[in-house]
C-alpha atoms as a PDB file:
ATOM      1  CA  MET A   1     -11.808 -60.971 -12.600  1.00  0.00           C
ATOM      2  CA  ALA A   2     -11.875 -57.142 -12.341  1.00  0.00           C
ATOM      3  CA  VAL A   3      -8.283 -56.931 -13.598  1.00  0.00           C
ATOM      4  CA  GLU A   4      -9.179 -59.089 -16.624  1.00  0.00           C
ATOM      5  CA  ILE A   5     -12.181 -56.873 -17.401  1.00  0.00           C
ATOM      6  CA  ASP A   6     -10.067 -53.708 -17.256  1.00  0.00           C
ATOM      7  CA  SER A   7      -7.451 -55.333 -19.492  1.00  0.00           C
ATOM      8  CA  LEU A   8     -10.138 -56.249 -22.013  1.00  0.00           C
ATOM      9  CA  ARG A   9     -11.513 -52.652 -21.962  1.00  0.00           C
ATOM     10  CA  LEU A  10      -8.056 -51.208 -22.564  1.00  0.00           C
ATOM     11  CA  ALA A  11      -7.476 -53.660 -25.374  1.00  0.00           C
ATOM     12  CA  ALA A  12     -10.834 -52.705 -26.917  1.00  0.00           C
ATOM     13  CA  ARG A  13      -9.921 -49.024 -27.105  1.00  0.00           C
ATOM     14  CA  PRO A  14      -8.642 -47.695 -30.406  1.00  0.00           C
ATOM     15  CA  VAL A  15      -4.858 -47.343 -30.439  1.00  0.00           C
ATOM     16  CA  GLY A  16      -5.075 -43.734 -31.664  1.00  0.00           C
ATOM     17  CA  GLN A  17      -7.408 -42.739 -28.830  1.00  0.00           C
ATOM     18  CA  MET A  18      -5.023 -44.255 -26.261  1.00  0.00           C
ATOM     19  CA  HIS A  19      -2.070 -42.393 -27.704  1.00  0.00           C
ATOM     20  CA  GLU A  20      -4.042 -39.139 -27.772  1.00  0.00           C
ATOM     21  CA  ARG A  21      -5.105 -39.458 -24.140  1.00  0.00           C
ATOM     22  CA  ASP A  22      -1.582 -40.357 -23.055  1.00  0.00           C
ATOM     23  CA  ARG A  23      -0.217 -37.358 -24.899  1.00  0.00           C
ATOM     24  CA  TRP A  24      -2.694 -35.019 -23.217  1.00  0.00           C
ATOM     25  CA  ARG A  25      -1.980 -36.593 -19.825  1.00  0.00           C
ATOM     26  CA  ARG A  26       1.744 -36.133 -20.240  1.00  0.00           C
ATOM     27  CA  TRP A  27       1.260 -32.561 -21.386  1.00  0.00           C
ATOM     28  CA  ALA A  28      -1.010 -31.776 -18.387  1.00  0.00           C
ATOM     29  CA  MET A  29       1.699 -33.027 -16.043  1.00  0.00           C
ATOM     30  CA  SER A  30       4.543 -31.223 -17.752  1.00  0.00           C
ATOM     31  CA  PRO A  31       6.218 -28.070 -16.291  1.00  0.00           C
ATOM     32  CA  THR A  32       4.990 -26.039 -19.276  1.00  0.00           C
ATOM     33  CA  SER A  33       1.359 -26.913 -18.543  1.00  0.00           C
ATOM     34  CA  ARG A  34       1.778 -26.078 -14.867  1.00  0.00           C
ATOM     35  CA  SER A  35       3.405 -22.754 -15.753  1.00  0.00           C
ATOM     36  CA  ILE A  36       0.568 -21.874 -18.105  1.00  0.00           C
ATOM     37  CA  SER A  37      -2.045 -22.788 -15.509  1.00  0.00           C
ATOM     38  CA  LYS A  38      -0.304 -20.757 -12.804  1.00  0.00           C
ATOM     39  CA  HIS A  39      -0.023 -17.685 -15.047  1.00  0.00           C
ATOM     40  CA  ALA A  40      -3.643 -18.055 -16.128  1.00  0.00           C
ATOM     41  CA  VAL A  41      -4.808 -18.013 -12.505  1.00  0.00           C
ATOM     42  CA  LEU A  42      -2.580 -15.002 -11.746  1.00  0.00           C
ATOM     43  CA  LEU A  43      -3.955 -13.214 -14.812  1.00  0.00           C
ATOM     44  CA  LEU A  44      -7.530 -13.772 -13.736  1.00  0.00           C
ATOM     45  CA  LEU A  45      -6.804 -12.541 -10.221  1.00  0.00           C
ATOM     46  CA  GLY A  46      -4.936  -9.549 -11.639  1.00  0.00           C
ATOM     47  CA  LEU A  47      -7.917  -8.646 -13.818  1.00  0.00           C
ATOM     48  CA  LEU A  48     -10.206  -8.992 -10.831  1.00  0.00           C
ATOM     49  CA  PHE A  49      -8.140  -6.509  -8.804  1.00  0.00           C
ATOM     50  CA  VAL A  50      -7.568  -4.070 -11.622  1.00  0.00           C
ATOM     51  CA  PHE A  51     -11.181  -4.049 -12.759  1.00  0.00           C
ATOM     52  CA  PRO A  52     -12.245  -1.182 -10.437  1.00  0.00           C
ATOM     53  CA  LEU A  53      -9.447   0.980 -11.851  1.00  0.00           C
ATOM     54  CA  ILE A  54     -10.454   0.162 -15.421  1.00  0.00           C
ATOM     55  CA  TRP A  55     -14.094   0.924 -14.637  1.00  0.00           C
ATOM     56  CA  MET A  56     -13.097   4.235 -13.028  1.00  0.00           C
ATOM     57  CA  LEU A  57     -11.092   5.165 -16.111  1.00  0.00           C
ATOM     58  CA  LEU A  58     -13.867   4.215 -18.526  1.00  0.00           C
ATOM     59  CA  THR A  59     -16.466   6.077 -16.484  1.00  0.00           C
ATOM     60  CA  SER A  60     -14.322   9.197 -16.459  1.00  0.00           C
ATOM     61  CA  LEU A  61     -14.544   9.316 -20.258  1.00  0.00           C
ATOM     62  CA  LYS A  62     -18.311   8.831 -20.537  1.00  0.00           C
ATOM     63  CA  PRO A  63     -21.023  11.438 -20.964  1.00  0.00           C
ATOM     64  CA  LEU A  64     -23.040  11.767 -17.793  1.00  0.00           C
ATOM     65  CA  PRO A  65     -26.145   9.896 -19.086  1.00  0.00           C
ATOM     66  CA  GLN A  66     -23.976   6.849 -19.907  1.00  0.00           C
ATOM     67  CA  ALA A  67     -22.345   6.941 -16.487  1.00  0.00           C
ATOM     68  CA  VAL A  68     -25.656   6.563 -14.629  1.00  0.00           C
ATOM     69  CA  THR A  69     -27.672   4.408 -17.021  1.00  0.00           C
ATOM     70  CA  PHE A  70     -28.717   0.822 -16.307  1.00  0.00           C
ATOM     71  CA  PRO A  71     -27.775  -1.667 -17.648  1.00  0.00           C
ATOM     72  CA  PRO A  72     -24.330  -0.013 -17.561  1.00  0.00           C
ATOM     73  CA  VAL A  73     -22.533   1.054 -20.729  1.00  0.00           C
ATOM     74  CA  ILE A  74     -19.042  -0.410 -20.676  1.00  0.00           C
ATOM     75  CA  PHE A  75     -17.239   1.558 -23.347  1.00  0.00           C
ATOM     76  CA  PRO A  76     -17.893   5.303 -23.684  1.00  0.00           C
ATOM     77  CA  HIS A  77     -19.215   6.624 -26.965  1.00  0.00           C
ATOM     78  CA  PRO A  78     -18.295   9.259 -27.653  1.00  0.00           C
ATOM     79  CA  ILE A  79     -15.219   9.749 -25.495  1.00  0.00           C
ATOM     80  CA  VAL A  80     -15.579  12.956 -23.472  1.00  0.00           C
ATOM     81  CA  TRP A  81     -12.089  14.265 -22.678  1.00  0.00           C
ATOM     82  CA  SER A  82     -13.529  17.479 -21.300  1.00  0.00           C
ATOM     83  CA  ASN A  83     -14.518  15.687 -18.091  1.00  0.00           C
ATOM     84  CA  TYR A  84     -10.943  16.068 -16.837  1.00  0.00           C
ATOM     85  CA  PRO A  85     -10.525  19.874 -17.154  1.00  0.00           C
ATOM     86  CA  ASN A  86     -14.107  20.362 -15.968  1.00  0.00           C
ATOM     87  CA  ALA A  87     -13.532  18.178 -12.900  1.00  0.00           C
ATOM     88  CA  LEU A  88     -10.205  19.735 -11.964  1.00  0.00           C
ATOM     89  CA  SER A  89     -11.647  23.224 -12.251  1.00  0.00           C
ATOM     90  CA  THR A  90     -14.695  22.649 -10.027  1.00  0.00           C
ATOM     91  CA  GLU A  91     -12.482  22.489  -6.903  1.00  0.00           C
ATOM     92  CA  PRO A  92      -8.989  23.938  -6.216  1.00  0.00           C
ATOM     93  CA  PHE A  93      -7.309  20.602  -6.863  1.00  0.00           C
ATOM     94  CA  GLY A  94      -3.930  22.296  -7.325  1.00  0.00           C
ATOM     95  CA  ARG A  95      -4.089  23.465  -3.717  1.00  0.00           C
ATOM     96  CA  TYR A  96      -5.368  20.057  -2.590  1.00  0.00           C
ATOM     97  CA  PHE A  97      -2.477  18.396  -4.351  1.00  0.00           C
ATOM     98  CA  LEU A  98       0.107  20.625  -2.650  1.00  0.00           C
ATOM     99  CA  ASN A  99      -1.513  20.059   0.725  1.00  0.00           C
ATOM    100  CA  THR A 100      -1.419  16.312   0.230  1.00  0.00           C
ATOM    101  CA  VAL A 101       2.225  16.328  -0.902  1.00  0.00           C
ATOM    102  CA  PHE A 102       3.138  18.436   2.155  1.00  0.00           C
ATOM    103  CA  TYR A 103       1.280  16.021   4.429  1.00  0.00           C
ATOM    104  CA  GLY A 104       2.851  12.994   2.804  1.00  0.00           C
ATOM    105  CA  VAL A 105       6.446  14.246   2.643  1.00  0.00           C
ATOM    106  CA  THR A 106       6.566  15.533   6.215  1.00  0.00           C
ATOM    107  CA  THR A 107       5.098  12.335   7.650  1.00  0.00           C
ATOM    108  CA  VAL A 108       7.507  10.245   5.583  1.00  0.00           C
ATOM    109  CA  ILE A 109      10.420  12.140   7.103  1.00  0.00           C
ATOM    110  CA  GLY A 110       8.957  11.723  10.573  1.00  0.00           C
ATOM    111  CA  VAL A 111       8.307   8.003  10.161  1.00  0.00           C
ATOM    112  CA  CYS A 112      11.764   7.256   8.726  1.00  0.00           C
ATOM    113  CA  LEU A 113      13.485   9.124  11.565  1.00  0.00           C
ATOM    114  CA  SER A 114      11.443   8.001  14.559  1.00  0.00           C
ATOM    115  CA  SER A 115      10.637   4.464  13.514  1.00  0.00           C
ATOM    116  CA  SER A 116      14.209   3.687  12.501  1.00  0.00           C
ATOM    117  CA  LEU A 117      15.555   4.968  15.819  1.00  0.00           C
ATOM    118  CA  VAL A 118      13.016   3.007  17.858  1.00  0.00           C
ATOM    119  CA  ALA A 119      13.598  -0.114  15.709  1.00  0.00           C
ATOM    120  CA  TYR A 120      17.345   0.205  16.260  1.00  0.00           C
ATOM    121  CA  GLY A 121      16.829   0.225  19.993  1.00  0.00           C
ATOM    122  CA  PHE A 122      14.598  -2.846  19.843  1.00  0.00           C
ATOM    123  CA  SER A 123      16.865  -4.832  17.533  1.00  0.00           C
ATOM    124  CA  ARG A 124      20.523  -3.888  18.188  1.00  0.00           C
ATOM    125  CA  LEU A 125      20.669  -2.779  21.841  1.00  0.00           C
ATOM    126  CA  GLN A 126      20.388  -5.003  24.890  1.00  0.00           C
ATOM    127  CA  TRP A 127      18.437  -3.566  27.831  1.00  0.00           C
ATOM    128  CA  PRO A 128      16.090  -4.992  30.496  1.00  0.00           C
ATOM    129  CA  GLY A 129      12.502  -5.528  29.383  1.00  0.00           C
ATOM    130  CA  ARG A 130      13.255  -4.893  25.721  1.00  0.00           C
ATOM    131  CA  ASP A 131      11.314  -7.814  24.261  1.00  0.00           C
ATOM    132  CA  ALA A 132       8.397  -7.400  26.659  1.00  0.00           C
ATOM    133  CA  LEU A 133       8.010  -3.733  25.764  1.00  0.00           C
ATOM    134  CA  PHE A 134       8.262  -4.597  22.066  1.00  0.00           C
ATOM    135  CA  TYR A 135       5.391  -7.092  22.423  1.00  0.00           C
ATOM    136  CA  VAL A 136       3.303  -4.478  24.238  1.00  0.00           C
ATOM    137  CA  MET A 137       3.987  -2.013  21.408  1.00  0.00           C
ATOM    138  CA  VAL A 138       2.992  -4.552  18.760  1.00  0.00           C
ATOM    139  CA  ALA A 139      -0.174  -5.358  20.720  1.00  0.00           C
ATOM    140  CA  THR A 140      -1.323  -1.742  20.272  1.00  0.00           C
ATOM    141  CA  LEU A 141      -1.957  -2.643  16.624  1.00  0.00           C
ATOM    142  CA  LEU A 142      -5.053  -4.448  17.873  1.00  0.00           C
ATOM    143  CA  LEU A 143      -6.595  -1.198  19.033  1.00  0.00           C
ATOM    144  CA  PRO A 144      -8.768   0.363  16.307  1.00  0.00           C
ATOM    145  CA  PHE A 145      -8.296   4.049  15.609  1.00  0.00           C
ATOM    146  CA  ILE A 146     -11.865   4.832  16.654  1.00  0.00           C
ATOM    147  CA  VAL A 147     -11.074   3.725  20.253  1.00  0.00           C
ATOM    148  CA  THR A 148      -8.434   6.472  20.735  1.00  0.00           C
ATOM    149  CA  LEU A 149     -10.227   9.052  18.576  1.00  0.00           C
ATOM    150  CA  ILE A 150     -12.046  10.968  21.336  1.00  0.00           C
ATOM    151  CA  PRO A 151      -9.157  11.066  23.853  1.00  0.00           C
ATOM    152  CA  LEU A 152      -6.787  12.250  21.130  1.00  0.00           C
ATOM    153  CA  PHE A 153      -9.226  14.895  19.917  1.00  0.00           C
ATOM    154  CA  ILE A 154      -9.628  16.247  23.464  1.00  0.00           C
ATOM    155  CA  LEU A 155      -5.842  16.301  23.926  1.00  0.00           C
ATOM    156  CA  TYR A 156      -5.214  18.113  20.628  1.00  0.00           C
ATOM    157  CA  LYS A 157      -8.003  20.556  21.390  1.00  0.00           C
ATOM    158  CA  HIS A 158      -6.344  21.532  24.673  1.00  0.00           C
ATOM    159  CA  LEU A 159      -3.059  21.927  22.802  1.00  0.00           C
ATOM    160  CA  GLY A 160      -4.732  24.228  20.266  1.00  0.00           C
ATOM    161  CA  TRP A 161      -3.874  22.012  17.313  1.00  0.00           C
ATOM    162  CA  ILE A 162      -7.391  21.582  15.902  1.00  0.00           C
ATOM    163  CA  GLY A 163      -7.755  23.209  12.491  1.00  0.00           C
ATOM    164  CA  SER A 164      -4.184  22.454  11.374  1.00  0.00           C
ATOM    165  CA  TYR A 165      -2.020  19.542  10.242  1.00  0.00           C
ATOM    166  CA  LYS A 166      -0.271  19.370  13.626  1.00  0.00           C
ATOM    167  CA  PRO A 167      -2.343  16.422  14.964  1.00  0.00           C
ATOM    168  CA  LEU A 168      -1.504  14.498  11.776  1.00  0.00           C
ATOM    169  CA  ILE A 169       2.188  15.336  11.534  1.00  0.00           C
ATOM    170  CA  ILE A 170       3.771  16.004  14.964  1.00  0.00           C
ATOM    171  CA  PRO A 171       2.887  12.606  16.562  1.00  0.00           C
ATOM    172  CA  VAL A 172       4.593  10.865  13.659  1.00  0.00           C
ATOM    173  CA  PHE A 173       7.935  12.344  14.724  1.00  0.00           C
ATOM    174  CA  PHE A 174       7.561  10.649  18.087  1.00  0.00           C
ATOM    175  CA  GLY A 175       7.235   7.083  16.808  1.00  0.00           C
ATOM    176  CA  ASN A 176       3.495   6.562  16.627  1.00  0.00           C
ATOM    177  CA  SER A 177       3.796   4.314  13.540  1.00  0.00           C
ATOM    178  CA  VAL A 178       3.972   0.903  15.159  1.00  0.00           C
ATOM    179  CA  PHE A 179       3.834  -1.038  11.882  1.00  0.00           C
ATOM    180  CA  SER A 180       6.817   0.848  10.481  1.00  0.00           C
ATOM    181  CA  THR A 181       8.785   0.229  13.637  1.00  0.00           C
ATOM    182  CA  PHE A 182       7.958  -3.462  13.515  1.00  0.00           C
ATOM    183  CA  LEU A 183       8.928  -3.681   9.845  1.00  0.00           C
ATOM    184  CA  LEU A 184      12.287  -1.955  10.371  1.00  0.00           C
ATOM    185  CA  ARG A 185      13.042  -3.919  13.523  1.00  0.00           C
ATOM    186  CA  GLN A 186      12.607  -7.189  11.666  1.00  0.00           C
ATOM    187  CA  PHE A 187      14.884  -5.968   8.893  1.00  0.00           C
ATOM    188  CA  PHE A 188      17.556  -4.695  11.272  1.00  0.00           C
ATOM    189  CA  MET A 189      17.715  -8.134  12.886  1.00  0.00           C
ATOM    190  CA  THR A 190      18.792  -9.629   9.545  1.00  0.00           C
ATOM    191  CA  ILE A 191      21.975  -7.453   9.528  1.00  0.00           C
ATOM    192  CA  PRO A 192      24.927  -9.394  11.020  1.00  0.00           C
ATOM    193  CA  GLU A 193      25.804  -8.319  14.555  1.00  0.00           C
ATOM    194  CA  SER A 194      29.465  -8.683  13.725  1.00  0.00           C
ATOM    195  CA  LEU A 195      29.352  -5.407  11.779  1.00  0.00           C
ATOM    196  CA  SER A 196      28.216  -3.511  14.842  1.00  0.00           C
ATOM    197  CA  ASP A 197      30.722  -5.301  17.072  1.00  0.00           C
ATOM    198  CA  ALA A 198      33.590  -4.413  14.727  1.00  0.00           C
ATOM    199  CA  ALA A 199      32.551  -0.762  14.761  1.00  0.00           C
ATOM    200  CA  ARG A 200      32.366  -0.769  18.584  1.00  0.00           C
ATOM    201  CA  VAL A 201      35.842  -2.234  18.795  1.00  0.00           C
ATOM    202  CA  ASP A 202      37.079   0.702  16.673  1.00  0.00           C
ATOM    203  CA  GLY A 203      35.457   3.103  19.121  1.00  0.00           C
ATOM    204  CA  ALA A 204      32.247   3.939  17.236  1.00  0.00           C
ATOM    205  CA  GLY A 205      29.182   4.994  19.233  1.00  0.00           C
ATOM    206  CA  GLU A 206      25.657   3.735  18.730  1.00  0.00           C
ATOM    207  CA  LEU A 207      24.546   6.814  16.803  1.00  0.00           C
ATOM    208  CA  TYR A 208      27.501   6.362  14.433  1.00  0.00           C
ATOM    209  CA  ILE A 209      26.673   2.687  13.938  1.00  0.00           C
ATOM    210  CA  TYR A 210      23.006   3.551  13.398  1.00  0.00           C
ATOM    211  CA  SER A 211      23.631   6.285  10.848  1.00  0.00           C
ATOM    212  CA  ARG A 212      26.742   4.986   9.025  1.00  0.00           C
ATOM    213  CA  ILE A 213      26.249   1.229   9.078  1.00  0.00           C
ATOM    214  CA  ILE A 214      22.653   0.206   9.720  1.00  0.00           C
ATOM    215  CA  LEU A 215      20.767   2.810   7.688  1.00  0.00           C
ATOM    216  CA  PRO A 216      22.815   2.415   4.483  1.00  0.00           C
ATOM    217  CA  LEU A 217      22.203  -1.324   4.629  1.00  0.00           C
ATOM    218  CA  ALA A 218      18.502  -0.837   5.294  1.00  0.00           C
ATOM    219  CA  LYS A 219      17.671   1.205   2.180  1.00  0.00           C
ATOM    220  CA  PRO A 220      15.150  -1.330   0.833  1.00  0.00           C
ATOM    221  CA  ALA A 221      13.275  -1.461   4.148  1.00  0.00           C
ATOM    222  CA  MET A 222      13.396   2.335   4.544  1.00  0.00           C
ATOM    223  CA  ALA A 223      12.038   2.741   1.001  1.00  0.00           C
ATOM    224  CA  THR A 224       9.231   0.335   1.835  1.00  0.00           C
ATOM    225  CA  VAL A 225       8.338   2.225   4.997  1.00  0.00           C
ATOM    226  CA  ALA A 226       8.435   5.568   3.128  1.00  0.00           C
ATOM    227  CA  LEU A 227       6.226   4.231   0.374  1.00  0.00           C
ATOM    228  CA  PHE A 228       3.683   2.766   2.788  1.00  0.00           C
ATOM    229  CA  GLN A 229       3.511   6.014   4.744  1.00  0.00           C
ATOM    230  CA  PHE A 230       3.171   8.208   1.670  1.00  0.00           C
ATOM    231  CA  ILE A 231       0.361   6.045   0.307  1.00  0.00           C
ATOM    232  CA  TYR A 232      -1.339   6.181   3.719  1.00  0.00           C
ATOM    233  CA  ALA A 233      -1.081   9.967   3.844  1.00  0.00           C
ATOM    234  CA  TRP A 234      -2.272  10.279   0.251  1.00  0.00           C
ATOM    235  CA  ASN A 235      -5.361   8.182   0.932  1.00  0.00           C
ATOM    236  CA  ASP A 236      -6.035   9.376   4.498  1.00  0.00           C
ATOM    237  CA  PHE A 237      -9.599  10.618   4.791  1.00  0.00           C
ATOM    238  CA  LEU A 238     -10.688  10.297   8.417  1.00  0.00           C
ATOM    239  CA  GLY A 239      -7.772  12.200   9.959  1.00  0.00           C
ATOM    240  CA  PRO A 240      -8.082  15.350   7.815  1.00  0.00           C
ATOM    241  CA  LEU A 241     -11.863  15.182   8.064  1.00  0.00           C
ATOM    242  CA  ILE A 242     -11.649  15.383  11.867  1.00  0.00           C
ATOM    243  CA  TYR A 243      -8.854  17.899  12.341  1.00  0.00           C
ATOM    244  CA  ILE A 244      -8.879  20.150   9.236  1.00  0.00           C
ATOM    245  CA  ASN A 245     -11.511  22.932   9.194  1.00  0.00           C
ATOM    246  CA  ASN A 246     -10.319  25.310   6.449  1.00  0.00           C
ATOM    247  CA  PRO A 247     -11.394  24.150   2.960  1.00  0.00           C
ATOM    248  CA  LEU A 248      -8.158  25.560   1.481  1.00  0.00           C
ATOM    249  CA  ASP A 249      -6.186  23.109   3.673  1.00  0.00           C
ATOM    250  CA  TYR A 250      -8.041  20.014   2.518  1.00  0.00           C
ATOM    251  CA  PRO A 251      -6.054  17.125   0.997  1.00  0.00           C
ATOM    252  CA  ILE A 252      -7.116  15.360  -2.182  1.00  0.00           C
ATOM    253  CA  SER A 253      -9.214  12.773  -0.332  1.00  0.00           C
ATOM    254  CA  ILE A 254     -11.426  15.472   1.194  1.00  0.00           C
ATOM    255  CA  GLY A 255     -11.429  17.433  -2.094  1.00  0.00           C
ATOM    256  CA  LEU A 256     -12.901  14.468  -3.915  1.00  0.00           C
ATOM    257  CA  ASN A 257     -15.586  14.168  -1.281  1.00  0.00           C
ATOM    258  CA  GLN A 258     -16.527  17.802  -1.912  1.00  0.00           C
ATOM    259  CA  MET A 259     -17.634  16.827  -5.442  1.00  0.00           C
ATOM    260  CA  ILE A 260     -20.376  14.579  -4.121  1.00  0.00           C
ATOM    261  CA  GLY A 261     -23.540  16.645  -4.084  1.00  0.00           C
ATOM    262  CA  THR A 262     -26.468  16.374  -1.726  1.00  0.00           C
ATOM    263  CA  TYR A 263     -29.010  15.674  -4.488  1.00  0.00           C
ATOM    264  CA  THR A 264     -27.024  15.176  -7.698  1.00  0.00           C
ATOM    265  CA  THR A 265     -23.447  14.150  -8.487  1.00  0.00           C
ATOM    266  CA  ASN A 266     -21.631  14.322 -11.797  1.00  0.00           C
ATOM    267  CA  TRP A 267     -20.127  10.841 -11.666  1.00  0.00           C
ATOM    268  CA  SER A 268     -18.169  11.241 -14.872  1.00  0.00           C
ATOM    269  CA  GLU A 269     -16.310  14.269 -13.577  1.00  0.00           C
ATOM    270  CA  LEU A 270     -15.890  12.673 -10.130  1.00  0.00           C
ATOM    271  CA  MET A 271     -14.293   9.587 -11.709  1.00  0.00           C
ATOM    272  CA  ALA A 272     -12.066  11.884 -13.786  1.00  0.00           C
ATOM    273  CA  ALA A 273     -10.857  13.637 -10.644  1.00  0.00           C
ATOM    274  CA  ALA A 274     -10.382  10.275  -8.891  1.00  0.00           C
ATOM    275  CA  THR A 275      -8.347   8.989 -11.838  1.00  0.00           C
ATOM    276  CA  ALA A 276      -6.128  12.078 -11.702  1.00  0.00           C
ATOM    277  CA  ALA A 277      -5.676  11.584  -7.962  1.00  0.00           C
ATOM    278  CA  THR A 278      -4.843   7.884  -8.344  1.00  0.00           C
ATOM    279  CA  LEU A 279      -2.315   8.345 -11.178  1.00  0.00           C
ATOM    280  CA  PRO A 280       0.569   9.682  -8.988  1.00  0.00           C
ATOM    281  CA  MET A 281       0.320   6.649  -6.709  1.00  0.00           C
ATOM    282  CA  ILE A 282       0.465   4.239  -9.675  1.00  0.00           C
ATOM    283  CA  VAL A 283       3.508   6.034 -11.102  1.00  0.00           C
ATOM    284  CA  LEU A 284       5.206   6.089  -7.701  1.00  0.00           C
ATOM    285  CA  PHE A 285       4.650   2.379  -7.191  1.00  0.00           C
ATOM    286  CA  PHE A 286       6.101   1.403 -10.559  1.00  0.00           C
ATOM    287  CA  LEU A 287       9.130   3.655 -10.028  1.00  0.00           C
ATOM    288  CA  ALA A 288       9.814   2.154  -6.606  1.00  0.00           C
ATOM    289  CA  GLN A 289       8.585  -1.359  -7.368  1.00  0.00           C
ATOM    290  CA  ARG A 290      11.954  -3.137  -7.291  1.00  0.00           C
ATOM    291  CA  THR A 291      13.088  -1.534  -4.006  1.00  0.00           C
ATOM    292  CA  PHE A 292       9.638  -2.015  -2.488  1.00  0.00           C
ATOM    293  CA  LEU A 293       9.479  -5.743  -3.317  1.00  0.00           C
ATOM    294  CA  GLN A 294      13.091  -6.245  -2.156  1.00  0.00           C
ATOM    295  CA  GLY A 295      12.250  -4.682   1.185  1.00  0.00           C
ATOM    296  CA  ILE A 296       9.158  -6.826   1.592  1.00  0.00           C
ATOM    297  CA  SER A 297      10.989 -10.056   0.664  1.00  0.00           C
ATOM    298  CA  LEU A 298      13.929  -9.430   3.012  1.00  0.00           C
ATOM    299  CA  THR A 299      11.877  -8.211   5.997  1.00  0.00           C
ATOM    300  CA  GLY A 300      11.269 -10.999   8.500  1.00  0.00           C
ATOM    301  CA  MET A 301      14.289 -13.084   7.519  1.00  0.00           C
ATOM    302  CA  LYS A 302      16.615 -13.818  10.385  1.00  0.00           C
ATOM    303  CA  GLU A 303      19.994 -15.443  10.678  1.00  0.00           C
END
């Protein structure tokens, strides 16, 4: 009886309406429709993530009254380009920029050297307790930085490093970047062992294999590690805040914090300085985007 009723209902529908609904149903199930839906979702998520950057840029071009008014003014009128030179002249941002570049470049060199050596030992050499020690090293990622803050500060104070970049740079050369070591170790394990065996048969040592075979093949992973470390150093706030005392040695992150006043803050100029500080990272990411994504996609794959 129910089947007969449904058949009568379908027969009672207009033929044009049935064809229209069938056409929409076929289109909704087509690959084109799925592609459009997927890209629409990705576009919405992309706008969600990029909205803070857009708001920062718009605020940097507003007069101060528009930057602090409520309800907020979205588009600046008029556009105040003078916020940028005014912001960059309130603090020695040129010196902050050089300090940050020095901090970032030196730590990148340290991470690439130390982490690649440690990762080579964990991935290409056989020795007792290798895997157990690797798991212990990875487990240290669970420890928050605040847990080791006081012991490290006391240690660096006894070494006389407080007030300089030594506590931020020197430990990096001794393999303190566990995440970078893990990332490179996973990538090294994707390189066929036969390449190393062939080099050993020809009389090559481990350092030769590491420098002449493994590292040239690991350029995507090395670029990913370098990019991660440089971004970390560029954005690092807590480390320089604890160990750097001289205002002329501040990085950009601390320099931006200096613009926040006790009672009043010029938010337009602060956003202008923040935009200028963010721009190098955006440019760097787009320049290294292909290598960065290649390193991420290949890391973790194993034969």
